[in-house]
mmCIF file of all heavy atoms, coordinates in Angstrom:
data_MODEL
# 
_entry.id   MODEL 
# 
loop_
_atom_site.group_PDB 
_atom_site.id 
_atom_site.type_symbol 
_atom_site.label_atom_id 
_atom_site.label_alt_id 
_atom_site.label_comp_id 
_atom_site.label_asym_id 
_atom_site.label_entity_id 
_atom_site.label_seq_id 
_atom_site.pdbx_PDB_ins_code 
_atom_site.Cartn_x 
_atom_site.Cartn_y 
_atom_site.Cartn_z 
_atom_site.occupancy 
_atom_site.B_iso_or_equiv 
_atom_site.pdbx_formal_charge 
_atom_site.auth_seq_id 
_atom_site.auth_comp_id 
_atom_site.auth_asym_id 
_atom_site.auth_atom_id 
_atom_site.pdbx_PDB_model_num 
ATOM 1   N N   . GLY A 1 1  ? 0.780  -1.230 0.000   1.00 0.00 ? 1  GLY A N   1 
ATOM 2   C CA  . GLY A 1 1  ? 0.000  0.000  0.000   1.00 0.00 ? 1  GLY A CA  1 
ATOM 3   C C   . GLY A 1 1  ? 0.806  1.272  0.000   1.00 0.00 ? 1  GLY A C   1 
ATOM 4   O O   . GLY A 1 1  ? 0.231  2.373  -0.088  1.00 0.00 ? 1  GLY A O   1 
ATOM 5   N N   . LYS A 1 2  ? 2.118  1.206  0.093   1.00 0.00 ? 2  LYS A N   1 
ATOM 6   C CA  . LYS A 1 2  ? 2.941  2.411  0.069   1.00 0.00 ? 2  LYS A CA  1 
ATOM 7   C C   . LYS A 1 2  ? 2.958  3.005  -1.331  1.00 0.00 ? 2  LYS A C   1 
ATOM 8   O O   . LYS A 1 2  ? 2.868  2.279  -2.325  1.00 0.00 ? 2  LYS A O   1 
ATOM 9   C CB  . LYS A 1 2  ? 4.367  2.091  0.520   1.00 0.00 ? 2  LYS A CB  1 
ATOM 10  C CG  . LYS A 1 2  ? 4.491  1.690  1.974   1.00 0.00 ? 2  LYS A CG  1 
ATOM 11  C CD  . LYS A 1 2  ? 5.946  1.631  2.415   1.00 0.00 ? 2  LYS A CD  1 
ATOM 12  C CE  . LYS A 1 2  ? 6.732  0.586  1.682   1.00 0.00 ? 2  LYS A CE  1 
ATOM 13  N NZ  . LYS A 1 2  ? 8.107  0.434  2.237   1.00 0.00 ? 2  LYS A NZ  1 
ATOM 14  N N   . PRO A 1 3  ? 3.075  4.320  -1.453  1.00 0.00 ? 3  PRO A N   1 
ATOM 15  C CA  . PRO A 1 3  ? 3.147  4.939  -2.774  1.00 0.00 ? 3  PRO A CA  1 
ATOM 16  C C   . PRO A 1 3  ? 4.429  4.548  -3.495  1.00 0.00 ? 3  PRO A C   1 
ATOM 17  O O   . PRO A 1 3  ? 5.421  4.150  -2.877  1.00 0.00 ? 3  PRO A O   1 
ATOM 18  C CB  . PRO A 1 3  ? 3.112  6.440  -2.470  1.00 0.00 ? 3  PRO A CB  1 
ATOM 19  C CG  . PRO A 1 3  ? 3.599  6.558  -1.068  1.00 0.00 ? 3  PRO A CG  1 
ATOM 20  C CD  . PRO A 1 3  ? 3.133  5.320  -0.364  1.00 0.00 ? 3  PRO A CD  1 
ATOM 21  N N   . ASN A 1 4  ? 4.391  4.649  -4.814  1.00 0.00 ? 4  ASN A N   1 
ATOM 22  C CA  . ASN A 1 4  ? 5.564  4.329  -5.615  1.00 0.00 ? 4  ASN A CA  1 
ATOM 23  C C   . ASN A 1 4  ? 6.754  5.205  -5.223  1.00 0.00 ? 4  ASN A C   1 
ATOM 24  O O   . ASN A 1 4  ? 6.597  6.337  -4.749  1.00 0.00 ? 4  ASN A O   1 
ATOM 25  C CB  . ASN A 1 4  ? 5.275  4.542  -7.100  1.00 0.00 ? 4  ASN A CB  1 
ATOM 26  C CG  . ASN A 1 4  ? 4.259  3.555  -7.644  1.00 0.00 ? 4  ASN A CG  1 
ATOM 27  O OD1 . ASN A 1 4  ? 3.853  2.618  -6.949  1.00 0.00 ? 4  ASN A OD1 1 
ATOM 28  N ND2 . ASN A 1 4  ? 3.851  3.766  -8.876  1.00 0.00 ? 4  ASN A ND2 1 
ATOM 29  N N   . TYR A 1 5  ? 7.950  4.668  -5.451  1.00 0.00 ? 5  TYR A N   1 
ATOM 30  C CA  . TYR A 1 5  ? 9.177  5.410  -5.222  1.00 0.00 ? 5  TYR A CA  1 
ATOM 31  C C   . TYR A 1 5  ? 9.862  5.602  -6.570  1.00 0.00 ? 5  TYR A C   1 
ATOM 32  O O   . TYR A 1 5  ? 10.303 4.642  -7.203  1.00 0.00 ? 5  TYR A O   1 
ATOM 33  C CB  . TYR A 1 5  ? 10.081 4.641  -4.255  1.00 0.00 ? 5  TYR A CB  1 
ATOM 34  C CG  . TYR A 1 5  ? 11.432 5.264  -4.028  1.00 0.00 ? 5  TYR A CG  1 
ATOM 35  C CD1 . TYR A 1 5  ? 11.571 6.552  -3.521  1.00 0.00 ? 5  TYR A CD1 1 
ATOM 36  C CD2 . TYR A 1 5  ? 12.600 4.560  -4.312  1.00 0.00 ? 5  TYR A CD2 1 
ATOM 37  C CE1 . TYR A 1 5  ? 12.811 7.122  -3.308  1.00 0.00 ? 5  TYR A CE1 1 
ATOM 38  C CE2 . TYR A 1 5  ? 13.852 5.110  -4.088  1.00 0.00 ? 5  TYR A CE2 1 
ATOM 39  C CZ  . TYR A 1 5  ? 13.959 6.399  -3.587  1.00 0.00 ? 5  TYR A CZ  1 
ATOM 40  O OH  . TYR A 1 5  ? 15.187 6.958  -3.377  1.00 0.00 ? 5  TYR A OH  1 
ATOM 41  N N   . ASP A 1 6  ? 9.908  6.846  -7.046  1.00 0.00 ? 6  ASP A N   1 
ATOM 42  C CA  . ASP A 1 6  ? 10.429 7.172  -8.375  1.00 0.00 ? 6  ASP A CA  1 
ATOM 43  C C   . ASP A 1 6  ? 11.725 7.959  -8.246  1.00 0.00 ? 6  ASP A C   1 
ATOM 44  O O   . ASP A 1 6  ? 11.777 8.973  -7.525  1.00 0.00 ? 6  ASP A O   1 
ATOM 45  C CB  . ASP A 1 6  ? 9.418  8.000  -9.174  1.00 0.00 ? 6  ASP A CB  1 
ATOM 46  C CG  . ASP A 1 6  ? 8.108  7.256  -9.393  1.00 0.00 ? 6  ASP A CG  1 
ATOM 47  O OD1 . ASP A 1 6  ? 8.100  6.019  -9.238  1.00 0.00 ? 6  ASP A OD1 1 
ATOM 48  O OD2 . ASP A 1 6  ? 7.110  7.905  -9.723  1.00 0.00 ? 6  ASP A OD2 1 
ATOM 49  N N   . ILE A 1 7  ? 12.766 7.511  -8.936  1.00 0.00 ? 7  ILE A N   1 
ATOM 50  C CA  . ILE A 1 7  ? 14.048 8.217  -8.926  1.00 0.00 ? 7  ILE A CA  1 
ATOM 51  C C   . ILE A 1 7  ? 14.556 8.362  -10.355 1.00 0.00 ? 7  ILE A C   1 
ATOM 52  O O   . ILE A 1 7  ? 14.107 7.650  -11.266 1.00 0.00 ? 7  ILE A O   1 
ATOM 53  C CB  . ILE A 1 7  ? 15.105 7.478  -8.081  1.00 0.00 ? 7  ILE A CB  1 
ATOM 54  C CG1 . ILE A 1 7  ? 15.367 6.082  -8.654  1.00 0.00 ? 7  ILE A CG1 1 
ATOM 55  C CG2 . ILE A 1 7  ? 14.660 7.391  -6.629  1.00 0.00 ? 7  ILE A CG2 1 
ATOM 56  C CD1 . ILE A 1 7  ? 16.515 5.352  -7.974  1.00 0.00 ? 7  ILE A CD1 1 
ATOM 57  N N   . ASN A 1 8  ? 15.497 9.281  -10.551 1.00 0.00 ? 8  ASN A N   1 
ATOM 58  C CA  . ASN A 1 8  ? 16.040 9.477  -11.898 1.00 0.00 ? 8  ASN A CA  1 
ATOM 59  C C   . ASN A 1 8  ? 17.410 10.132 -11.812 1.00 0.00 ? 8  ASN A C   1 
ATOM 60  O O   . ASN A 1 8  ? 17.798 10.697 -10.774 1.00 0.00 ? 8  ASN A O   1 
ATOM 61  C CB  . ASN A 1 8  ? 15.098 10.328 -12.747 1.00 0.00 ? 8  ASN A CB  1 
ATOM 62  C CG  . ASN A 1 8  ? 14.909 11.723 -12.184 1.00 0.00 ? 8  ASN A CG  1 
ATOM 63  O OD1 . ASN A 1 8  ? 15.723 12.613 -12.402 1.00 0.00 ? 8  ASN A OD1 1 
ATOM 64  N ND2 . ASN A 1 8  ? 13.825 11.909 -11.411 1.00 0.00 ? 8  ASN A ND2 1 
ATOM 65  N N   . GLY A 1 9  ? 18.113 10.073 -12.925 1.00 0.00 ? 9  GLY A N   1 
ATOM 66  C CA  . GLY A 1 9  ? 19.415 10.706 -13.012 1.00 0.00 ? 9  GLY A CA  1 
ATOM 67  C C   . GLY A 1 9  ? 19.912 10.688 -14.446 1.00 0.00 ? 9  GLY A C   1 
ATOM 68  O O   . GLY A 1 9  ? 19.336 10.022 -15.315 1.00 0.00 ? 9  GLY A O   1 
ATOM 69  N N   . PHE A 1 10 ? 20.993 11.404 -14.685 1.00 0.00 ? 10 PHE A N   1 
ATOM 70  C CA  . PHE A 1 10 ? 21.560 11.424 -16.034 1.00 0.00 ? 10 PHE A CA  1 
ATOM 71  C C   . PHE A 1 10 ? 23.043 11.767 -15.952 1.00 0.00 ? 10 PHE A C   1 
ATOM 72  O O   . PHE A 1 10 ? 23.549 12.240 -14.931 1.00 0.00 ? 10 PHE A O   1 
ATOM 73  C CB  . PHE A 1 10 ? 20.844 12.448 -16.920 1.00 0.00 ? 10 PHE A CB  1 
ATOM 74  C CG  . PHE A 1 10 ? 21.170 13.878 -16.602 1.00 0.00 ? 10 PHE A CG  1 
ATOM 75  C CD1 . PHE A 1 10 ? 22.178 14.563 -17.293 1.00 0.00 ? 10 PHE A CD1 1 
ATOM 76  C CD2 . PHE A 1 10 ? 20.486 14.561 -15.600 1.00 0.00 ? 10 PHE A CD2 1 
ATOM 77  C CE1 . PHE A 1 10 ? 22.489 15.875 -16.990 1.00 0.00 ? 10 PHE A CE1 1 
ATOM 78  C CE2 . PHE A 1 10 ? 20.793 15.879 -15.299 1.00 0.00 ? 10 PHE A CE2 1 
ATOM 79  C CZ  . PHE A 1 10 ? 21.804 16.543 -15.989 1.00 0.00 ? 10 PHE A CZ  1 
ATOM 80  N N   . TYR A 1 11 ? 23.728 11.515 -17.042 1.00 0.00 ? 11 TYR A N   1 
ATOM 81  C CA  . TYR A 1 11 ? 25.112 11.964 -17.187 1.00 0.00 ? 11 TYR A CA  1 
ATOM 82  C C   . TYR A 1 11 ? 25.329 12.399 -18.630 1.00 0.00 ? 11 TYR A C   1 
ATOM 83  O O   . TYR A 1 11 ? 24.635 11.949 -19.553 1.00 0.00 ? 11 TYR A O   1 
ATOM 84  C CB  . TYR A 1 11 ? 26.121 10.870 -16.809 1.00 0.00 ? 11 TYR A CB  1 
ATOM 85  C CG  . TYR A 1 11 ? 26.166 9.709  -17.778 1.00 0.00 ? 11 TYR A CG  1 
ATOM 86  C CD1 . TYR A 1 11 ? 26.904 9.772  -18.964 1.00 0.00 ? 11 TYR A CD1 1 
ATOM 87  C CD2 . TYR A 1 11 ? 25.468 8.534  -17.515 1.00 0.00 ? 11 TYR A CD2 1 
ATOM 88  C CE1 . TYR A 1 11 ? 26.940 8.718  -19.853 1.00 0.00 ? 11 TYR A CE1 1 
ATOM 89  C CE2 . TYR A 1 11 ? 25.497 7.473  -18.399 1.00 0.00 ? 11 TYR A CE2 1 
ATOM 90  C CZ  . TYR A 1 11 ? 26.234 7.564  -19.568 1.00 0.00 ? 11 TYR A CZ  1 
ATOM 91  O OH  . TYR A 1 11 ? 26.254 6.527  -20.453 1.00 0.00 ? 11 TYR A OH  1 
ATOM 92  N N   . THR A 1 12 ? 26.286 13.274 -18.816 1.00 0.00 ? 12 THR A N   1 
ATOM 93  C CA  . THR A 1 12 ? 26.729 13.705 -20.139 1.00 0.00 ? 12 THR A CA  1 
ATOM 94  C C   . THR A 1 12 ? 28.234 13.884 -20.083 1.00 0.00 ? 12 THR A C   1 
ATOM 95  O O   . THR A 1 12 ? 28.751 14.471 -19.122 1.00 0.00 ? 12 THR A O   1 
ATOM 96  C CB  . THR A 1 12 ? 26.074 15.032 -20.555 1.00 0.00 ? 12 THR A CB  1 
ATOM 97  O OG1 . THR A 1 12 ? 24.652 14.858 -20.613 1.00 0.00 ? 12 THR A OG1 1 
ATOM 98  C CG2 . THR A 1 12 ? 26.578 15.480 -21.930 1.00 0.00 ? 12 THR A CG2 1 
ATOM 99  N N   . TYR A 1 13 ? 28.929 13.380 -21.083 1.00 0.00 ? 13 TYR A N   1 
ATOM 100 C CA  . TYR A 1 13 ? 30.366 13.640 -21.114 1.00 0.00 ? 13 TYR A CA  1 
ATOM 101 C C   . TYR A 1 13 ? 30.884 13.781 -22.539 1.00 0.00 ? 13 TYR A C   1 
ATOM 102 O O   . TYR A 1 13 ? 30.292 13.262 -23.491 1.00 0.00 ? 13 TYR A O   1 
ATOM 103 C CB  . TYR A 1 13 ? 31.163 12.587 -20.336 1.00 0.00 ? 13 TYR A CB  1 
ATOM 104 C CG  . TYR A 1 13 ? 31.222 11.193 -20.887 1.00 0.00 ? 13 TYR A CG  1 
ATOM 105 C CD1 . TYR A 1 13 ? 32.091 10.860 -21.939 1.00 0.00 ? 13 TYR A CD1 1 
ATOM 106 C CD2 . TYR A 1 13 ? 30.492 10.161 -20.303 1.00 0.00 ? 13 TYR A CD2 1 
ATOM 107 C CE1 . TYR A 1 13 ? 32.204 9.562  -22.410 1.00 0.00 ? 13 TYR A CE1 1 
ATOM 108 C CE2 . TYR A 1 13 ? 30.594 8.860  -20.757 1.00 0.00 ? 13 TYR A CE2 1 
ATOM 109 C CZ  . TYR A 1 13 ? 31.446 8.564  -21.808 1.00 0.00 ? 13 TYR A CZ  1 
ATOM 110 O OH  . TYR A 1 13 ? 31.548 7.276  -22.264 1.00 0.00 ? 13 TYR A OH  1 
ATOM 111 N N   . GLY A 1 14 ? 31.962 14.512 -22.647 1.00 0.00 ? 14 GLY A N   1 
ATOM 112 C CA  . GLY A 1 14 ? 32.627 14.706 -23.923 1.00 0.00 ? 14 GLY A CA  1 
ATOM 113 C C   . GLY A 1 14 ? 34.061 14.236 -23.841 1.00 0.00 ? 14 GLY A C   1 
ATOM 114 O O   . GLY A 1 14 ? 34.686 14.270 -22.771 1.00 0.00 ? 14 GLY A O   1 
ATOM 115 N N   . THR A 1 15 ? 34.596 13.784 -24.976 1.00 0.00 ? 15 THR A N   1 
ATOM 116 C CA  . THR A 1 15 ? 35.975 13.325 -25.023 1.00 0.00 ? 15 THR A CA  1 
ATOM 117 C C   . THR A 1 15 ? 36.691 13.933 -26.221 1.00 0.00 ? 15 THR A C   1 
ATOM 118 O O   . THR A 1 15 ? 36.074 14.257 -27.241 1.00 0.00 ? 15 THR A O   1 
ATOM 119 C CB  . THR A 1 15 ? 36.073 11.791 -25.134 1.00 0.00 ? 15 THR A CB  1 
ATOM 120 O OG1 . THR A 1 15 ? 35.671 11.373 -26.448 1.00 0.00 ? 15 THR A OG1 1 
ATOM 121 C CG2 . THR A 1 15 ? 35.194 11.111 -24.098 1.00 0.00 ? 15 THR A CG2 1 
ATOM 122 N N   . TRP A 1 16 ? 37.996 14.076 -26.079 1.00 0.00 ? 16 TRP A N   1 
ATOM 123 C CA  . TRP A 1 16 ? 38.862 14.565 -27.160 1.00 0.00 ? 16 TRP A CA  1 
ATOM 124 C C   . TRP A 1 16 ? 40.129 13.723 -27.155 1.00 0.00 ? 16 TRP A C   1 
ATOM 125 O O   . TRP A 1 16 ? 40.861 13.703 -26.162 1.00 0.00 ? 16 TRP A O   1 
ATOM 126 C CB  . TRP A 1 16 ? 39.193 16.043 -26.955 1.00 0.00 ? 16 TRP A CB  1 
ATOM 127 C CG  . TRP A 1 16 ? 40.213 16.588 -27.914 1.00 0.00 ? 16 TRP A CG  1 
ATOM 128 C CD1 . TRP A 1 16 ? 40.322 16.315 -29.246 1.00 0.00 ? 16 TRP A CD1 1 
ATOM 129 C CD2 . TRP A 1 16 ? 41.274 17.504 -27.613 1.00 0.00 ? 16 TRP A CD2 1 
ATOM 130 N NE1 . TRP A 1 16 ? 41.380 17.003 -29.798 1.00 0.00 ? 16 TRP A NE1 1 
ATOM 131 C CE2 . TRP A 1 16 ? 41.984 17.739 -28.808 1.00 0.00 ? 16 TRP A CE2 1 
ATOM 132 C CE3 . TRP A 1 16 ? 41.681 18.138 -26.426 1.00 0.00 ? 16 TRP A CE3 1 
ATOM 133 C CZ2 . TRP A 1 16 ? 43.079 18.583 -28.871 1.00 0.00 ? 16 TRP A CZ2 1 
ATOM 134 C CZ3 . TRP A 1 16 ? 42.782 18.978 -26.476 1.00 0.00 ? 16 TRP A CZ3 1 
ATOM 135 C CH2 . TRP A 1 16 ? 43.465 19.203 -27.691 1.00 0.00 ? 16 TRP A CH2 1 
ATOM 136 N N   . VAL A 1 17 ? 40.376 13.024 -28.244 1.00 0.00 ? 17 VAL A N   1 
ATOM 137 C CA  . VAL A 1 17 ? 41.599 12.246 -28.383 1.00 0.00 ? 17 VAL A CA  1 
ATOM 138 C C   . VAL A 1 17 ? 42.649 13.172 -28.989 1.00 0.00 ? 17 VAL A C   1 
ATOM 139 O O   . VAL A 1 17 ? 42.622 13.483 -30.182 1.00 0.00 ? 17 VAL A O   1 
ATOM 140 C CB  . VAL A 1 17 ? 41.385 11.001 -29.261 1.00 0.00 ? 17 VAL A CB  1 
ATOM 141 C CG1 . VAL A 1 17 ? 42.658 10.153 -29.291 1.00 0.00 ? 17 VAL A CG1 1 
ATOM 142 C CG2 . VAL A 1 17 ? 40.214 10.168 -28.747 1.00 0.00 ? 17 VAL A CG2 1 
ATOM 143 N N   . VAL A 1 18 ? 43.544 13.624 -28.159 1.00 0.00 ? 18 VAL A N   1 
ATOM 144 C CA  . VAL A 1 18 ? 44.517 14.645 -28.542 1.00 0.00 ? 18 VAL A CA  1 
ATOM 145 C C   . VAL A 1 18 ? 45.388 14.176 -29.702 1.00 0.00 ? 18 VAL A C   1 
ATOM 146 O O   . VAL A 1 18 ? 45.785 14.970 -30.566 1.00 0.00 ? 18 VAL A O   1 
ATOM 147 C CB  . VAL A 1 18 ? 45.403 15.015 -27.331 1.00 0.00 ? 18 VAL A CB  1 
ATOM 148 C CG1 . VAL A 1 18 ? 46.377 16.124 -27.682 1.00 0.00 ? 18 VAL A CG1 1 
ATOM 149 C CG2 . VAL A 1 18 ? 44.550 15.398 -26.141 1.00 0.00 ? 18 VAL A CG2 1 
ATOM 150 N N   . THR A 1 19 ? 45.657 12.877 -29.732 1.00 0.00 ? 19 THR A N   1 
ATOM 151 C CA  . THR A 1 19 ? 46.559 12.337 -30.750 1.00 0.00 ? 19 THR A CA  1 
ATOM 152 C C   . THR A 1 19 ? 45.861 12.047 -32.076 1.00 0.00 ? 19 THR A C   1 
ATOM 153 O O   . THR A 1 19 ? 46.496 11.557 -33.016 1.00 0.00 ? 19 THR A O   1 
ATOM 154 C CB  . THR A 1 19 ? 47.223 11.065 -30.218 1.00 0.00 ? 19 THR A CB  1 
ATOM 155 O OG1 . THR A 1 19 ? 46.219 10.232 -29.600 1.00 0.00 ? 19 THR A OG1 1 
ATOM 156 C CG2 . THR A 1 19 ? 48.277 11.411 -29.179 1.00 0.00 ? 19 THR A CG2 1 
ATOM 157 N N   . GLY A 1 20 ? 44.555 12.317 -32.186 1.00 0.00 ? 20 GLY A N   1 
ATOM 158 C CA  . GLY A 1 20 ? 43.859 12.271 -33.464 1.00 0.00 ? 20 GLY A CA  1 
ATOM 159 C C   . GLY A 1 20 ? 43.051 11.032 -33.754 1.00 0.00 ? 20 GLY A C   1 
ATOM 160 O O   . GLY A 1 20 ? 42.267 11.023 -34.714 1.00 0.00 ? 20 GLY A O   1 
ATOM 161 N N   . GLU A 1 21 ? 43.184 9.969  -32.952 1.00 0.00 ? 21 GLU A N   1 
ATOM 162 C CA  . GLU A 1 21 ? 42.411 8.758  -33.199 1.00 0.00 ? 21 GLU A CA  1 
ATOM 163 C C   . GLU A 1 21 ? 40.945 8.959  -32.778 1.00 0.00 ? 21 GLU A C   1 
ATOM 164 O O   . GLU A 1 21 ? 40.586 9.984  -32.209 1.00 0.00 ? 21 GLU A O   1 
ATOM 165 C CB  . GLU A 1 21 ? 43.011 7.568  -32.433 1.00 0.00 ? 21 GLU A CB  1 
ATOM 166 C CG  . GLU A 1 21 ? 44.417 7.187  -32.841 1.00 0.00 ? 21 GLU A CG  1 
ATOM 167 C CD  . GLU A 1 21 ? 45.486 7.912  -32.052 1.00 0.00 ? 21 GLU A CD  1 
ATOM 168 O OE1 . GLU A 1 21 ? 45.164 8.942  -31.415 1.00 0.00 ? 21 GLU A OE1 1 
ATOM 169 O OE2 . GLU A 1 21 ? 46.643 7.464  -32.066 1.00 0.00 ? 21 GLU A OE2 1 
ATOM 170 N N   . SER A 1 22 ? 40.119 7.949  -33.025 1.00 0.00 ? 22 SER A N   1 
ATOM 171 C CA  . SER A 1 22 ? 38.697 8.000  -32.670 1.00 0.00 ? 22 SER A CA  1 
ATOM 172 C C   . SER A 1 22 ? 38.358 6.894  -31.672 1.00 0.00 ? 22 SER A C   1 
ATOM 173 O O   . SER A 1 22 ? 39.012 5.840  -31.646 1.00 0.00 ? 22 SER A O   1 
ATOM 174 C CB  . SER A 1 22 ? 37.822 7.813  -33.913 1.00 0.00 ? 22 SER A CB  1 
ATOM 175 O OG  . SER A 1 22 ? 38.026 8.843  -34.843 1.00 0.00 ? 22 SER A OG  1 
ATOM 176 N N   . ARG A 1 23 ? 37.347 7.137  -30.876 1.00 0.00 ? 23 ARG A N   1 
ATOM 177 C CA  . ARG A 1 23 ? 36.770 6.050  -30.082 1.00 0.00 ? 23 ARG A CA  1 
ATOM 178 C C   . ARG A 1 23 ? 36.192 5.000  -31.029 1.00 0.00 ? 23 ARG A C   1 
ATOM 179 O O   . ARG A 1 23 ? 35.690 5.314  -32.110 1.00 0.00 ? 23 ARG A O   1 
ATOM 180 C CB  . ARG A 1 23 ? 35.661 6.570  -29.166 1.00 0.00 ? 23 ARG A CB  1 
ATOM 181 C CG  . ARG A 1 23 ? 36.117 7.550  -28.116 1.00 0.00 ? 23 ARG A CG  1 
ATOM 182 C CD  . ARG A 1 23 ? 34.938 8.064  -27.302 1.00 0.00 ? 23 ARG A CD  1 
ATOM 183 N NE  . ARG A 1 23 ? 34.416 7.065  -26.371 1.00 0.00 ? 23 ARG A NE  1 
ATOM 184 C CZ  . ARG A 1 23 ? 33.230 7.142  -25.781 1.00 0.00 ? 23 ARG A CZ  1 
ATOM 185 N NH1 . ARG A 1 23 ? 32.421 8.153  -26.045 1.00 0.00 ? 23 ARG A NH1 1 
ATOM 186 N NH2 . ARG A 1 23 ? 32.833 6.224  -24.929 1.00 0.00 ? 23 ARG A NH2 1 
ATOM 187 N N   . GLN A 1 24 ? 36.259 3.747  -30.628 1.00 0.00 ? 24 GLN A N   1 
ATOM 188 C CA  . GLN A 1 24 ? 35.757 2.655  -31.451 1.00 0.00 ? 24 GLN A CA  1 
ATOM 189 C C   . GLN A 1 24 ? 34.293 2.363  -31.118 1.00 0.00 ? 24 GLN A C   1 
ATOM 190 O O   . GLN A 1 24 ? 33.848 2.575  -29.991 1.00 0.00 ? 24 GLN A O   1 
ATOM 191 C CB  . GLN A 1 24 ? 36.601 1.400  -31.222 1.00 0.00 ? 24 GLN A CB  1 
ATOM 192 C CG  . GLN A 1 24 ? 38.079 1.575  -31.545 1.00 0.00 ? 24 GLN A CG  1 
ATOM 193 C CD  . GLN A 1 24 ? 38.316 1.821  -33.008 1.00 0.00 ? 24 GLN A CD  1 
ATOM 194 O OE1 . GLN A 1 24 ? 37.953 1.017  -33.862 1.00 0.00 ? 24 GLN A OE1 1 
ATOM 195 N NE2 . GLN A 1 24 ? 38.923 2.963  -33.316 1.00 0.00 ? 24 GLN A NE2 1 
ATOM 196 N N   . TYR A 1 25 ? 33.563 1.864  -32.102 1.00 0.00 ? 25 TYR A N   1 
ATOM 197 C CA  . TYR A 1 25 ? 32.156 1.503  -31.915 1.00 0.00 ? 25 TYR A CA  1 
ATOM 198 C C   . TYR A 1 25 ? 31.867 0.238  -32.716 1.00 0.00 ? 25 TYR A C   1 
ATOM 199 O O   . TYR A 1 25 ? 32.205 0.159  -33.907 1.00 0.00 ? 25 TYR A O   1 
ATOM 200 C CB  . TYR A 1 25 ? 31.252 2.632  -32.402 1.00 0.00 ? 25 TYR A CB  1 
ATOM 201 C CG  . TYR A 1 25 ? 29.769 2.313  -32.380 1.00 0.00 ? 25 TYR A CG  1 
ATOM 202 C CD1 . TYR A 1 25 ? 29.005 2.557  -31.249 1.00 0.00 ? 25 TYR A CD1 1 
ATOM 203 C CD2 . TYR A 1 25 ? 29.132 1.756  -33.493 1.00 0.00 ? 25 TYR A CD2 1 
ATOM 204 C CE1 . TYR A 1 25 ? 27.651 2.261  -31.212 1.00 0.00 ? 25 TYR A CE1 1 
ATOM 205 C CE2 . TYR A 1 25 ? 27.776 1.458  -33.474 1.00 0.00 ? 25 TYR A CE2 1 
ATOM 206 C CZ  . TYR A 1 25 ? 27.035 1.717  -32.337 1.00 0.00 ? 25 TYR A CZ  1 
ATOM 207 O OH  . TYR A 1 25 ? 25.698 1.421  -32.301 1.00 0.00 ? 25 TYR A OH  1 
ATOM 208 N N   . HIS A 1 26 ? 31.297 -0.760 -32.050 1.00 0.00 ? 26 HIS A N   1 
ATOM 209 C CA  . HIS A 1 26 ? 30.874 -1.972 -32.749 1.00 0.00 ? 26 HIS A CA  1 
ATOM 210 C C   . HIS A 1 26 ? 29.883 -2.730 -31.881 1.00 0.00 ? 26 HIS A C   1 
ATOM 211 O O   . HIS A 1 26 ? 29.898 -2.628 -30.644 1.00 0.00 ? 26 HIS A O   1 
ATOM 212 C CB  . HIS A 1 26 ? 32.074 -2.873 -33.093 1.00 0.00 ? 26 HIS A CB  1 
ATOM 213 C CG  . HIS A 1 26 ? 32.902 -3.267 -31.912 1.00 0.00 ? 26 HIS A CG  1 
ATOM 214 N ND1 . HIS A 1 26 ? 32.605 -4.338 -31.095 1.00 0.00 ? 26 HIS A ND1 1 
ATOM 215 C CD2 . HIS A 1 26 ? 34.033 -2.720 -31.400 1.00 0.00 ? 26 HIS A CD2 1 
ATOM 216 C CE1 . HIS A 1 26 ? 33.499 -4.437 -30.150 1.00 0.00 ? 26 HIS A CE1 1 
ATOM 217 N NE2 . HIS A 1 26 ? 34.379 -3.469 -30.283 1.00 0.00 ? 26 HIS A NE2 1 
ATOM 218 N N   . ASP A 1 27 ? 28.993 -3.458 -32.529 1.00 0.00 ? 27 ASP A N   1 
ATOM 219 C CA  . ASP A 1 27 ? 27.978 -4.268 -31.840 1.00 0.00 ? 27 ASP A CA  1 
ATOM 220 C C   . ASP A 1 27 ? 27.145 -3.448 -30.856 1.00 0.00 ? 27 ASP A C   1 
ATOM 221 O O   . ASP A 1 27 ? 26.752 -3.930 -29.790 1.00 0.00 ? 27 ASP A O   1 
ATOM 222 C CB  . ASP A 1 27 ? 28.631 -5.438 -31.105 1.00 0.00 ? 27 ASP A CB  1 
ATOM 223 C CG  . ASP A 1 27 ? 29.292 -6.429 -32.049 1.00 0.00 ? 27 ASP A CG  1 
ATOM 224 O OD1 . ASP A 1 27 ? 29.002 -6.370 -33.257 1.00 0.00 ? 27 ASP A OD1 1 
ATOM 225 O OD2 . ASP A 1 27 ? 30.094 -7.252 -31.578 1.00 0.00 ? 27 ASP A OD2 1 
ATOM 226 N N   . GLY A 1 28 ? 26.889 -2.177 -31.197 1.00 0.00 ? 28 GLY A N   1 
ATOM 227 C CA  . GLY A 1 28 ? 26.030 -1.351 -30.362 1.00 0.00 ? 28 GLY A CA  1 
ATOM 228 C C   . GLY A 1 28 ? 26.668 -0.808 -29.116 1.00 0.00 ? 28 GLY A C   1 
ATOM 229 O O   . GLY A 1 28 ? 25.974 -0.356 -28.206 1.00 0.00 ? 28 GLY A O   1 
# 
């Protein structure tokens, strides 16, 4: 009978590869 407990949060970040390469991405 207790009311629902709702929580939330977020993050945002940026990256810079100084040496010129890229982050890799595969399989989602």
